[in-house]
């Protein structure tokens, strides 16, 4: 069955957070966008 979006957002955030390279700020910006989506959905992903 499809995984709930909340779980996928959390897992994507974790995968990005452990990546070591900065990618000129784009990795961090992607994390901020995931945080914003999670906040709207009222889930904790840090």
ModelCIF file with pLDDT and N, C-alpha, C, O atoms, coordinates in Angstrom:
data_MODEL
#
_entry.id   MODEL 
#
_entity.id                         1 
_entity.type                       polymer 
_entity.pdbx_number_of_molecules   1 
#
_entity_poly.entity_id                      1 
_entity_poly.type                           'polypeptide(L)' 
_entity_poly.nstd_linkage                   no 
_entity_poly.nstd_monomer                   no 
_entity_poly.pdbx_seq_one_letter_code       
;(UNK)(UNK)(UNK)(UNK)(UNK)(UNK)(UNK)(UNK)(UNK)(UNK)(UNK)(UNK)(UNK)(UNK)(UNK)(UNK)
(UNK)(UNK)(UNK)(UNK)(UNK)(UNK)(UNK)(UNK)(UNK)(UNK)(UNK)(UNK)(UNK)(UNK)(UNK)(UNK)
(UNK)(UNK)(UNK)(UNK)(UNK)(UNK)(UNK)(UNK)(UNK)(UNK)(UNK)(UNK)(UNK)(UNK)
;
_entity_poly.pdbx_seq_one_letter_code_can   XXXXXXXXXXXXXXXXXXXXXXXXXXXXXXXXXXXXXXXXXXXXXX 
_entity_poly.pdbx_strand_id                 A 
#
loop_
_entity_poly_seq.entity_id 
_entity_poly_seq.num 
_entity_poly_seq.mon_id 
_entity_poly_seq.hetero 
1 1  UNK n 
1 2  UNK n 
1 3  UNK n 
1 4  UNK n 
1 5  UNK n 
1 6  UNK n 
1 7  UNK n 
1 8  UNK n 
1 9  UNK n 
1 10 UNK n 
1 11 UNK n 
1 12 UNK n 
1 13 UNK n 
1 14 UNK n 
1 15 UNK n 
1 16 UNK n 
1 17 UNK n 
1 18 UNK n 
1 19 UNK n 
1 20 UNK n 
1 21 UNK n 
1 22 UNK n 
1 23 UNK n 
1 24 UNK n 
1 25 UNK n 
1 26 UNK n 
1 27 UNK n 
1 28 UNK n 
1 29 UNK n 
1 30 UNK n 
1 31 UNK n 
1 32 UNK n 
1 33 UNK n 
1 34 UNK n 
1 35 UNK n 
1 36 UNK n 
1 37 UNK n 
1 38 UNK n 
1 39 UNK n 
1 40 UNK n 
1 41 UNK n 
1 42 UNK n 
1 43 UNK n 
1 44 UNK n 
1 45 UNK n 
1 46 UNK n 
#
_struct_asym.id          A 
_struct_asym.entity_id   1 
#
loop_
_ma_qa_metric.id 
_ma_qa_metric.mode 
_ma_qa_metric.name 
_ma_qa_metric.software_group_id 
_ma_qa_metric.type 
1 global pLDDT . pLDDT 
2 local  pLDDT . pLDDT 
#
_ma_qa_metric_global.metric_id      1 
_ma_qa_metric_global.metric_value   86.80 
_ma_qa_metric_global.model_id       1 
_ma_qa_metric_global.ordinal_id     1 
#
loop_
_ma_qa_metric_local.label_asym_id 
_ma_qa_metric_local.label_comp_id 
_ma_qa_metric_local.label_seq_id 
_ma_qa_metric_local.metric_id 
_ma_qa_metric_local.metric_value 
_ma_qa_metric_local.model_id 
_ma_qa_metric_local.ordinal_id 
A UNK 1  2 58.00 1 1  
A UNK 2  2 67.00 1 2  
A UNK 3  2 75.00 1 3  
A UNK 4  2 85.00 1 4  
A UNK 5  2 87.00 1 5  
A UNK 6  2 87.00 1 6  
A UNK 7  2 88.00 1 7  
A UNK 8  2 90.00 1 8  
A UNK 9  2 91.00 1 9  
A UNK 10 2 89.00 1 10 
A UNK 11 2 89.00 1 11 
A UNK 12 2 90.00 1 12 
A UNK 13 2 91.00 1 13 
A UNK 14 2 88.00 1 14 
A UNK 15 2 87.00 1 15 
A UNK 16 2 88.00 1 16 
A UNK 17 2 86.00 1 17 
A UNK 18 2 83.00 1 18 
A UNK 19 2 82.00 1 19 
A UNK 20 2 77.00 1 20 
A UNK 21 2 76.00 1 21 
A UNK 22 2 77.00 1 22 
A UNK 23 2 89.00 1 23 
A UNK 24 2 90.00 1 24 
A UNK 25 2 91.00 1 25 
A UNK 26 2 93.00 1 26 
A UNK 27 2 91.00 1 27 
A UNK 28 2 92.00 1 28 
A UNK 29 2 93.00 1 29 
A UNK 30 2 93.00 1 30 
A UNK 31 2 92.00 1 31 
A UNK 32 2 94.00 1 32 
A UNK 33 2 94.00 1 33 
A UNK 34 2 94.00 1 34 
A UNK 35 2 93.00 1 35 
A UNK 36 2 94.00 1 36 
A UNK 37 2 94.00 1 37 
A UNK 38 2 92.00 1 38 
A UNK 39 2 93.00 1 39 
A UNK 40 2 93.00 1 40 
A UNK 41 2 91.00 1 41 
A UNK 42 2 90.00 1 42 
A UNK 43 2 87.00 1 43 
A UNK 44 2 82.00 1 44 
A UNK 45 2 80.00 1 45 
A UNK 46 2 67.00 1 46 
#
loop_
_atom_site.group_PDB 
_atom_site.id 
_atom_site.type_symbol 
_atom_site.label_atom_id 
_atom_site.label_alt_id 
_atom_site.label_comp_id 
_atom_site.label_asym_id 
_atom_site.label_entity_id 
_atom_site.label_seq_id 
_atom_site.pdbx_PDB_ins_code 
_atom_site.Cartn_x 
_atom_site.Cartn_y 
_atom_site.Cartn_z 
_atom_site.occupancy 
_atom_site.B_iso_or_equiv 
_atom_site.pdbx_formal_charge 
_atom_site.auth_seq_id 
_atom_site.auth_comp_id 
_atom_site.auth_asym_id 
_atom_site.auth_atom_id 
_atom_site.pdbx_PDB_model_num 
ATOM 1   N N  . UNK A 1 1  ? 0.855  -1.177 0.000  1.00 58.00 ? 1  UNK A N  1 
ATOM 2   C CA . UNK A 1 1  ? 0.000  0.000  0.000  1.00 58.00 ? 1  UNK A CA 1 
ATOM 3   C C  . UNK A 1 1  ? 0.896  1.233  0.000  1.00 58.00 ? 1  UNK A C  1 
ATOM 4   O O  . UNK A 1 1  ? 2.024  1.177  0.489  1.00 58.00 ? 1  UNK A O  1 
ATOM 5   N N  . UNK A 1 2  ? 0.413  2.325  -0.534 1.00 67.00 ? 2  UNK A N  1 
ATOM 6   C CA . UNK A 1 2  ? 1.253  3.529  -0.538 1.00 67.00 ? 2  UNK A CA 1 
ATOM 7   C C  . UNK A 1 2  ? 1.557  4.002  0.882  1.00 67.00 ? 2  UNK A C  1 
ATOM 8   O O  . UNK A 1 2  ? 0.696  3.983  1.761  1.00 67.00 ? 2  UNK A O  1 
ATOM 9   N N  . UNK A 1 3  ? 2.802  4.426  1.080  1.00 75.00 ? 3  UNK A N  1 
ATOM 10  C CA . UNK A 1 3  ? 3.186  4.954  2.391  1.00 75.00 ? 3  UNK A CA 1 
ATOM 11  C C  . UNK A 1 3  ? 2.520  6.311  2.591  1.00 75.00 ? 3  UNK A C  1 
ATOM 12  O O  . UNK A 1 3  ? 2.372  7.071  1.634  1.00 75.00 ? 3  UNK A O  1 
ATOM 13  N N  . UNK A 1 4  ? 2.117  6.626  3.819  1.00 85.00 ? 4  UNK A N  1 
ATOM 14  C CA . UNK A 1 4  ? 1.513  7.932  4.085  1.00 85.00 ? 4  UNK A CA 1 
ATOM 15  C C  . UNK A 1 4  ? 2.498  9.058  3.772  1.00 85.00 ? 4  UNK A C  1 
ATOM 16  O O  . UNK A 1 4  ? 3.693  8.920  4.036  1.00 85.00 ? 4  UNK A O  1 
ATOM 17  N N  . UNK A 1 5  ? 2.016  10.165 3.217  1.00 87.00 ? 5  UNK A N  1 
ATOM 18  C CA . UNK A 1 5  ? 2.905  11.284 2.900  1.00 87.00 ? 5  UNK A CA 1 
ATOM 19  C C  . UNK A 1 5  ? 3.733  11.754 4.096  1.00 87.00 ? 5  UNK A C  1 
ATOM 20  O O  . UNK A 1 5  ? 4.887  12.145 3.922  1.00 87.00 ? 5  UNK A O  1 
ATOM 21  N N  . UNK A 1 6  ? 3.174  11.726 5.293  1.00 87.00 ? 6  UNK A N  1 
ATOM 22  C CA . UNK A 1 6  ? 3.915  12.170 6.473  1.00 87.00 ? 6  UNK A CA 1 
ATOM 23  C C  . UNK A 1 6  ? 5.179  11.334 6.670  1.00 87.00 ? 6  UNK A C  1 
ATOM 24  O O  . UNK A 1 6  ? 6.241  11.885 6.958  1.00 87.00 ? 6  UNK A O  1 
ATOM 25  N N  . UNK A 1 7  ? 5.080  10.017 6.519  1.00 88.00 ? 7  UNK A N  1 
ATOM 26  C CA . UNK A 1 7  ? 6.251  9.146  6.657  1.00 88.00 ? 7  UNK A CA 1 
ATOM 27  C C  . UNK A 1 7  ? 7.277  9.429  5.569  1.00 88.00 ? 7  UNK A C  1 
ATOM 28  O O  . UNK A 1 7  ? 8.479  9.463  5.837  1.00 88.00 ? 7  UNK A O  1 
ATOM 29  N N  . UNK A 1 8  ? 6.808  9.629  4.350  1.00 90.00 ? 8  UNK A N  1 
ATOM 30  C CA . UNK A 1 8  ? 7.717  9.902  3.244  1.00 90.00 ? 8  UNK A CA 1 
ATOM 31  C C  . UNK A 1 8  ? 8.428  11.236 3.417  1.00 90.00 ? 8  UNK A C  1 
ATOM 32  O O  . UNK A 1 8  ? 9.619  11.345 3.127  1.00 90.00 ? 8  UNK A O  1 
ATOM 33  N N  . UNK A 1 9  ? 7.712  12.248 3.886  1.00 91.00 ? 9  UNK A N  1 
ATOM 34  C CA . UNK A 1 9  ? 8.343  13.542 4.137  1.00 91.00 ? 9  UNK A CA 1 
ATOM 35  C C  . UNK A 1 9  ? 9.415  13.415 5.217  1.00 91.00 ? 9  UNK A C  1 
ATOM 36  O O  . UNK A 1 9  ? 10.508 13.964 5.081  1.00 91.00 ? 9  UNK A O  1 
ATOM 37  N N  . UNK A 1 10 ? 9.101  12.696 6.281  1.00 89.00 ? 10 UNK A N  1 
ATOM 38  C CA . UNK A 1 10 ? 10.042 12.505 7.385  1.00 89.00 ? 10 UNK A CA 1 
ATOM 39  C C  . UNK A 1 10 ? 11.295 11.771 6.887  1.00 89.00 ? 10 UNK A C  1 
ATOM 40  O O  . UNK A 1 10 ? 12.416 12.169 7.205  1.00 89.00 ? 10 UNK A O  1 
ATOM 41  N N  . UNK A 1 11 ? 11.106 10.716 6.117  1.00 89.00 ? 11 UNK A N  1 
ATOM 42  C CA . UNK A 1 11 ? 12.238 9.939  5.615  1.00 89.00 ? 11 UNK A CA 1 
ATOM 43  C C  . UNK A 1 11 ? 13.077 10.749 4.622  1.00 89.00 ? 11 UNK A C  1 
ATOM 44  O O  . UNK A 1 11 ? 14.305 10.668 4.634  1.00 89.00 ? 11 UNK A O  1 
ATOM 45  N N  . UNK A 1 12 ? 12.419 11.522 3.771  1.00 90.00 ? 12 UNK A N  1 
ATOM 46  C CA . UNK A 1 12 ? 13.149 12.369 2.824  1.00 90.00 ? 12 UNK A CA 1 
ATOM 47  C C  . UNK A 1 12 ? 13.964 13.410 3.575  1.00 90.00 ? 12 UNK A C  1 
ATOM 48  O O  . UNK A 1 12 ? 15.111 13.674 3.213  1.00 90.00 ? 12 UNK A O  1 
ATOM 49  N N  . UNK A 1 13 ? 13.395 14.000 4.609  1.00 91.00 ? 13 UNK A N  1 
ATOM 50  C CA . UNK A 1 13 ? 14.096 15.008 5.402  1.00 91.00 ? 13 UNK A CA 1 
ATOM 51  C C  . UNK A 1 13 ? 15.325 14.395 6.076  1.00 91.00 ? 13 UNK A C  1 
ATOM 52  O O  . UNK A 1 13 ? 16.398 14.999 6.085  1.00 91.00 ? 13 UNK A O  1 
ATOM 53  N N  . UNK A 1 14 ? 15.168 13.209 6.634  1.00 88.00 ? 14 UNK A N  1 
ATOM 54  C CA . UNK A 1 14 ? 16.293 12.534 7.290  1.00 88.00 ? 14 UNK A CA 1 
ATOM 55  C C  . UNK A 1 14 ? 17.386 12.232 6.273  1.00 88.00 ? 14 UNK A C  1 
ATOM 56  O O  . UNK A 1 14 ? 18.567 12.436 6.554  1.00 88.00 ? 14 UNK A O  1 
ATOM 57  N N  . UNK A 1 15 ? 17.003 11.747 5.094  1.00 87.00 ? 15 UNK A N  1 
ATOM 58  C CA . UNK A 1 15 ? 17.997 11.447 4.064  1.00 87.00 ? 15 UNK A CA 1 
ATOM 59  C C  . UNK A 1 15 ? 18.777 12.700 3.680  1.00 87.00 ? 15 UNK A C  1 
ATOM 60  O O  . UNK A 1 15 ? 19.994 12.643 3.505  1.00 87.00 ? 15 UNK A O  1 
ATOM 61  N N  . UNK A 1 16 ? 18.092 13.821 3.550  1.00 88.00 ? 16 UNK A N  1 
ATOM 62  C CA . UNK A 1 16 ? 18.776 15.074 3.224  1.00 88.00 ? 16 UNK A CA 1 
ATOM 63  C C  . UNK A 1 16 ? 19.634 15.558 4.385  1.00 88.00 ? 16 UNK A C  1 
ATOM 64  O O  . UNK A 1 16 ? 20.711 16.112 4.166  1.00 88.00 ? 16 UNK A O  1 
ATOM 65  N N  . UNK A 1 17 ? 19.173 15.357 5.616  1.00 86.00 ? 17 UNK A N  1 
ATOM 66  C CA . UNK A 1 17 ? 19.898 15.886 6.774  1.00 86.00 ? 17 UNK A CA 1 
ATOM 67  C C  . UNK A 1 17 ? 21.222 15.180 6.998  1.00 86.00 ? 17 UNK A C  1 
ATOM 68  O O  . UNK A 1 17 ? 22.152 15.791 7.524  1.00 86.00 ? 17 UNK A O  1 
ATOM 69  N N  . UNK A 1 18 ? 21.342 13.923 6.621  1.00 83.00 ? 18 UNK A N  1 
ATOM 70  C CA . UNK A 1 18 ? 22.606 13.212 6.828  1.00 83.00 ? 18 UNK A CA 1 
ATOM 71  C C  . UNK A 1 18 ? 23.545 13.361 5.641  1.00 83.00 ? 18 UNK A C  1 
ATOM 72  O O  . UNK A 1 18 ? 24.713 12.985 5.740  1.00 83.00 ? 18 UNK A O  1 
ATOM 73  N N  . UNK A 1 19 ? 23.074 13.895 4.529  1.00 82.00 ? 19 UNK A N  1 
ATOM 74  C CA . UNK A 1 19 ? 23.965 14.146 3.398  1.00 82.00 ? 19 UNK A CA 1 
ATOM 75  C C  . UNK A 1 19 ? 25.003 15.176 3.814  1.00 82.00 ? 19 UNK A C  1 
ATOM 76  O O  . UNK A 1 19 ? 24.680 16.153 4.491  1.00 82.00 ? 19 UNK A O  1 
ATOM 77  N N  . UNK A 1 20 ? 26.238 14.961 3.414  1.00 77.00 ? 20 UNK A N  1 
ATOM 78  C CA . UNK A 1 20 ? 27.336 15.771 3.925  1.00 77.00 ? 20 UNK A CA 1 
ATOM 79  C C  . UNK A 1 20 ? 27.576 17.055 3.149  1.00 77.00 ? 20 UNK A C  1 
ATOM 80  O O  . UNK A 1 20 ? 28.034 18.037 3.732  1.00 77.00 ? 20 UNK A O  1 
ATOM 81  N N  . UNK A 1 21 ? 27.293 17.082 1.893  1.00 76.00 ? 21 UNK A N  1 
ATOM 82  C CA . UNK A 1 21 ? 27.653 18.231 1.065  1.00 76.00 ? 21 UNK A CA 1 
ATOM 83  C C  . UNK A 1 21 ? 26.523 19.254 1.013  1.00 76.00 ? 21 UNK A C  1 
ATOM 84  O O  . UNK A 1 21 ? 25.349 18.908 1.142  1.00 76.00 ? 21 UNK A O  1 
ATOM 85  N N  . UNK A 1 22 ? 26.897 20.520 0.823  1.00 77.00 ? 22 UNK A N  1 
ATOM 86  C CA . UNK A 1 22 ? 25.940 21.619 0.891  1.00 77.00 ? 22 UNK A CA 1 
ATOM 87  C C  . UNK A 1 22 ? 25.206 21.867 -0.409 1.00 77.00 ? 22 UNK A C  1 
ATOM 88  O O  . UNK A 1 22 ? 24.057 22.309 -0.375 1.00 77.00 ? 22 UNK A O  1 
ATOM 89  N N  . UNK A 1 23 ? 25.818 21.602 -1.556 1.00 89.00 ? 23 UNK A N  1 
ATOM 90  C CA . UNK A 1 23 ? 25.188 21.830 -2.856 1.00 89.00 ? 23 UNK A CA 1 
ATOM 91  C C  . UNK A 1 23 ? 24.766 23.290 -3.023 1.00 89.00 ? 23 UNK A C  1 
ATOM 92  O O  . UNK A 1 23 ? 23.674 23.589 -3.507 1.00 89.00 ? 23 UNK A O  1 
ATOM 93  N N  . UNK A 1 24 ? 25.661 24.190 -2.607 1.00 90.00 ? 24 UNK A N  1 
ATOM 94  C CA . UNK A 1 24 ? 25.444 25.637 -2.714 1.00 90.00 ? 24 UNK A CA 1 
ATOM 95  C C  . UNK A 1 24 ? 24.115 26.088 -2.106 1.00 90.00 ? 24 UNK A C  1 
ATOM 96  O O  . UNK A 1 24 ? 23.470 27.001 -2.621 1.00 90.00 ? 24 UNK A O  1 
ATOM 97  N N  . UNK A 1 25 ? 23.714 25.454 -1.025 1.00 91.00 ? 25 UNK A N  1 
ATOM 98  C CA . UNK A 1 25 ? 22.515 25.850 -0.303 1.00 91.00 ? 25 UNK A CA 1 
ATOM 99  C C  . UNK A 1 25 ? 21.227 25.193 -0.767 1.00 91.00 ? 25 UNK A C  1 
ATOM 100 O O  . UNK A 1 25 ? 20.195 25.353 -0.114 1.00 91.00 ? 25 UNK A O  1 
ATOM 101 N N  . UNK A 1 26 ? 21.251 24.457 -1.874 1.00 93.00 ? 26 UNK A N  1 
ATOM 102 C CA . UNK A 1 26 ? 20.019 23.875 -2.400 1.00 93.00 ? 26 UNK A CA 1 
ATOM 103 C C  . UNK A 1 26 ? 19.520 22.697 -1.559 1.00 93.00 ? 26 UNK A C  1 
ATOM 104 O O  . UNK A 1 26 ? 18.311 22.485 -1.458 1.00 93.00 ? 26 UNK A O  1 
ATOM 105 N N  . UNK A 1 27 ? 20.437 21.925 -0.952 1.00 91.00 ? 27 UNK A N  1 
ATOM 106 C CA . UNK A 1 27 ? 20.022 20.839 -0.064 1.00 91.00 ? 27 UNK A CA 1 
ATOM 107 C C  . UNK A 1 27 ? 19.292 21.423 1.140  1.00 91.00 ? 27 UNK A C  1 
ATOM 108 O O  . UNK A 1 27 ? 18.240 20.922 1.537  1.00 91.00 ? 27 UNK A O  1 
ATOM 109 N N  . UNK A 1 28 ? 19.847 22.471 1.713  1.00 92.00 ? 28 UNK A N  1 
ATOM 110 C CA . UNK A 1 28 ? 19.233 23.121 2.871  1.00 92.00 ? 28 UNK A CA 1 
ATOM 111 C C  . UNK A 1 28 ? 17.892 23.745 2.481  1.00 92.00 ? 28 UNK A C  1 
ATOM 112 O O  . UNK A 1 28 ? 16.928 23.664 3.242  1.00 92.00 ? 28 UNK A O  1 
ATOM 113 N N  . UNK A 1 29 ? 17.824 24.358 1.319  1.00 93.00 ? 29 UNK A N  1 
ATOM 114 C CA . UNK A 1 29 ? 16.560 24.958 0.862  1.00 93.00 ? 29 UNK A CA 1 
ATOM 115 C C  . UNK A 1 29 ? 15.496 23.875 0.660  1.00 93.00 ? 29 UNK A C  1 
ATOM 116 O O  . UNK A 1 29 ? 14.327 24.087 0.984  1.00 93.00 ? 29 UNK A O  1 
ATOM 117 N N  . UNK A 1 30 ? 15.894 22.722 0.130  1.00 93.00 ? 30 UNK A N  1 
ATOM 118 C CA . UNK A 1 30 ? 14.945 21.607 -0.004 1.00 93.00 ? 30 UNK A CA 1 
ATOM 119 C C  . UNK A 1 30 ? 14.441 21.176 1.366  1.00 93.00 ? 30 UNK A C  1 
ATOM 120 O O  . UNK A 1 30 ? 13.256 20.890 1.532  1.00 93.00 ? 30 UNK A O  1 
ATOM 121 N N  . UNK A 1 31 ? 15.343 21.126 2.351  1.00 92.00 ? 31 UNK A N  1 
ATOM 122 C CA . UNK A 1 31 ? 14.938 20.761 3.712  1.00 92.00 ? 31 UNK A CA 1 
ATOM 123 C C  . UNK A 1 31 ? 13.951 21.773 4.283  1.00 92.00 ? 31 UNK A C  1 
ATOM 124 O O  . UNK A 1 31 ? 12.993 21.398 4.960  1.00 92.00 ? 31 UNK A O  1 
ATOM 125 N N  . UNK A 1 32 ? 14.182 23.052 4.012  1.00 94.00 ? 32 UNK A N  1 
ATOM 126 C CA . UNK A 1 32 ? 13.266 24.086 4.497  1.00 94.00 ? 32 UNK A CA 1 
ATOM 127 C C  . UNK A 1 32 ? 11.882 23.930 3.868  1.00 94.00 ? 32 UNK A C  1 
ATOM 128 O O  . UNK A 1 32 ? 10.869 24.128 4.539  1.00 94.00 ? 32 UNK A O  1 
ATOM 129 N N  . UNK A 1 33 ? 11.837 23.578 2.591  1.00 94.00 ? 33 UNK A N  1 
ATOM 130 C CA . UNK A 1 33 ? 10.542 23.379 1.927  1.00 94.00 ? 33 UNK A CA 1 
ATOM 131 C C  . UNK A 1 33 ? 9.810  22.172 2.515  1.00 94.00 ? 33 UNK A C  1 
ATOM 132 O O  . UNK A 1 33 ? 8.592  22.205 2.685  1.00 94.00 ? 33 UNK A O  1 
ATOM 133 N N  . UNK A 1 34 ? 10.548 21.117 2.821  1.00 94.00 ? 34 UNK A N  1 
ATOM 134 C CA . UNK A 1 34 ? 9.926  19.946 3.453  1.00 94.00 ? 34 UNK A CA 1 
ATOM 135 C C  . UNK A 1 34 ? 9.421  20.317 4.839  1.00 94.00 ? 34 UNK A C  1 
ATOM 136 O O  . UNK A 1 34 ? 8.332  19.900 5.234  1.00 94.00 ? 34 UNK A O  1 
ATOM 137 N N  . UNK A 1 35 ? 10.209 21.105 5.588  1.00 93.00 ? 35 UNK A N  1 
ATOM 138 C CA . UNK A 1 35 ? 9.763  21.565 6.906  1.00 93.00 ? 35 UNK A CA 1 
ATOM 139 C C  . UNK A 1 35 ? 8.471  22.369 6.794  1.00 93.00 ? 35 UNK A C  1 
ATOM 140 O O  . UNK A 1 35 ? 7.562  22.207 7.608  1.00 93.00 ? 35 UNK A O  1 
ATOM 141 N N  . UNK A 1 36 ? 8.391  23.237 5.783  1.00 94.00 ? 36 UNK A N  1 
ATOM 142 C CA . UNK A 1 36 ? 7.190  24.062 5.607  1.00 94.00 ? 36 UNK A CA 1 
ATOM 143 C C  . UNK A 1 36 ? 5.976  23.191 5.303  1.00 94.00 ? 36 UNK A C  1 
ATOM 144 O O  . UNK A 1 36 ? 4.892  23.418 5.841  1.00 94.00 ? 36 UNK A O  1 
ATOM 145 N N  . UNK A 1 37 ? 6.160  22.194 4.440  1.00 94.00 ? 37 UNK A N  1 
ATOM 146 C CA . UNK A 1 37 ? 5.050  21.282 4.126  1.00 94.00 ? 37 UNK A CA 1 
ATOM 147 C C  . UNK A 1 37 ? 4.639  20.514 5.378  1.00 94.00 ? 37 UNK A C  1 
ATOM 148 O O  . UNK A 1 37 ? 3.449  20.363 5.651  1.00 94.00 ? 37 UNK A O  1 
ATOM 149 N N  . UNK A 1 38 ? 5.614  20.030 6.135  1.00 92.00 ? 38 UNK A N  1 
ATOM 150 C CA . UNK A 1 38 ? 5.321  19.269 7.350  1.00 92.00 ? 38 UNK A CA 1 
ATOM 151 C C  . UNK A 1 38 ? 4.608  20.130 8.388  1.00 92.00 ? 38 UNK A C  1 
ATOM 152 O O  . UNK A 1 38 ? 3.707  19.656 9.080  1.00 92.00 ? 38 UNK A O  1 
ATOM 153 N N  . UNK A 1 39 ? 5.007  21.383 8.493  1.00 93.00 ? 39 UNK A N  1 
ATOM 154 C CA . UNK A 1 39 ? 4.363  22.284 9.448  1.00 93.00 ? 39 UNK A CA 1 
ATOM 155 C C  . UNK A 1 39 ? 2.884  22.464 9.097  1.00 93.00 ? 39 UNK A C  1 
ATOM 156 O O  . UNK A 1 39 ? 2.024  22.471 9.977  1.00 93.00 ? 39 UNK A O  1 
ATOM 157 N N  . UNK A 1 40 ? 2.603  22.607 7.804  1.00 93.00 ? 40 UNK A N  1 
ATOM 158 C CA . UNK A 1 40 ? 1.206  22.745 7.372  1.00 93.00 ? 40 UNK A CA 1 
ATOM 159 C C  . UNK A 1 40 ? 0.407  21.476 7.667  1.00 93.00 ? 40 UNK A C  1 
ATOM 160 O O  . UNK A 1 40 ? -0.793 21.537 7.936  1.00 93.00 ? 40 UNK A O  1 
ATOM 161 N N  . UNK A 1 41 ? 1.080  20.333 7.614  1.00 91.00 ? 41 UNK A N  1 
ATOM 162 C CA . UNK A 1 41 ? 0.433  19.048 7.892  1.00 91.00 ? 41 UNK A CA 1 
ATOM 163 C C  . UNK A 1 41 ? 0.478  18.678 9.378  1.00 91.00 ? 41 UNK A C  1 
ATOM 164 O O  . UNK A 1 41 ? -0.053 17.646 9.786  1.00 91.00 ? 41 UNK A O  1 
ATOM 165 N N  . UNK A 1 42 ? 1.125  19.541 10.182 1.00 90.00 ? 42 UNK A N  1 
ATOM 166 C CA . UNK A 1 42 ? 1.267  19.355 11.631 1.00 90.00 ? 42 UNK A CA 1 
ATOM 167 C C  . UNK A 1 42 ? 2.002  18.054 11.991 1.00 90.00 ? 42 UNK A C  1 
ATOM 168 O O  . UNK A 1 42 ? 1.560  17.278 12.839 1.00 90.00 ? 42 UNK A O  1 
ATOM 169 N N  . UNK A 1 43 ? 3.134  17.849 11.315 1.00 87.00 ? 43 UNK A N  1 
ATOM 170 C CA . UNK A 1 43 ? 3.977  16.699 11.649 1.00 87.00 ? 43 UNK A CA 1 
ATOM 171 C C  . UNK A 1 43 ? 5.386  17.186 11.959 1.00 87.00 ? 43 UNK A C  1 
ATOM 172 O O  . UNK A 1 43 ? 5.836  18.200 11.423 1.00 87.00 ? 43 UNK A O  1 
ATOM 173 N N  . UNK A 1 44 ? 6.083  16.450 12.836 1.00 82.00 ? 44 UNK A N  1 
ATOM 174 C CA . UNK A 1 44 ? 7.455  16.786 13.211 1.00 82.00 ? 44 UNK A CA 1 
ATOM 175 C C  . UNK A 1 44 ? 8.400  15.903 12.409 1.00 82.00 ? 44 UNK A C  1 
ATOM 176 O O  . UNK A 1 44 ? 8.268  14.679 12.422 1.00 82.00 ? 44 UNK A O  1 
ATOM 177 N N  . UNK A 1 45 ? 9.357  16.517 11.708 1.00 80.00 ? 45 UNK A N  1 
ATOM 178 C CA . UNK A 1 45 ? 10.249 15.742 10.840 1.00 80.00 ? 45 UNK A CA 1 
ATOM 179 C C  . UNK A 1 45 ? 11.719 15.956 11.134 1.00 80.00 ? 45 UNK A C  1 
ATOM 180 O O  . UNK A 1 45 ? 12.563 15.361 10.464 1.00 80.00 ? 45 UNK A O  1 
ATOM 181 N N  . UNK A 1 46 ? 12.057 16.776 12.104 1.00 67.00 ? 46 UNK A N  1 
ATOM 182 C CA . UNK A 1 46 ? 13.465 17.117 12.324 1.00 67.00 ? 46 UNK A CA 1 
ATOM 183 C C  . UNK A 1 46 ? 14.293 15.906 12.702 1.00 67.00 ? 46 UNK A C  1 
ATOM 184 O O  . UNK A 1 46 ? 15.498 16.026 12.920 1.00 67.00 ? 46 UNK A O  1 
#
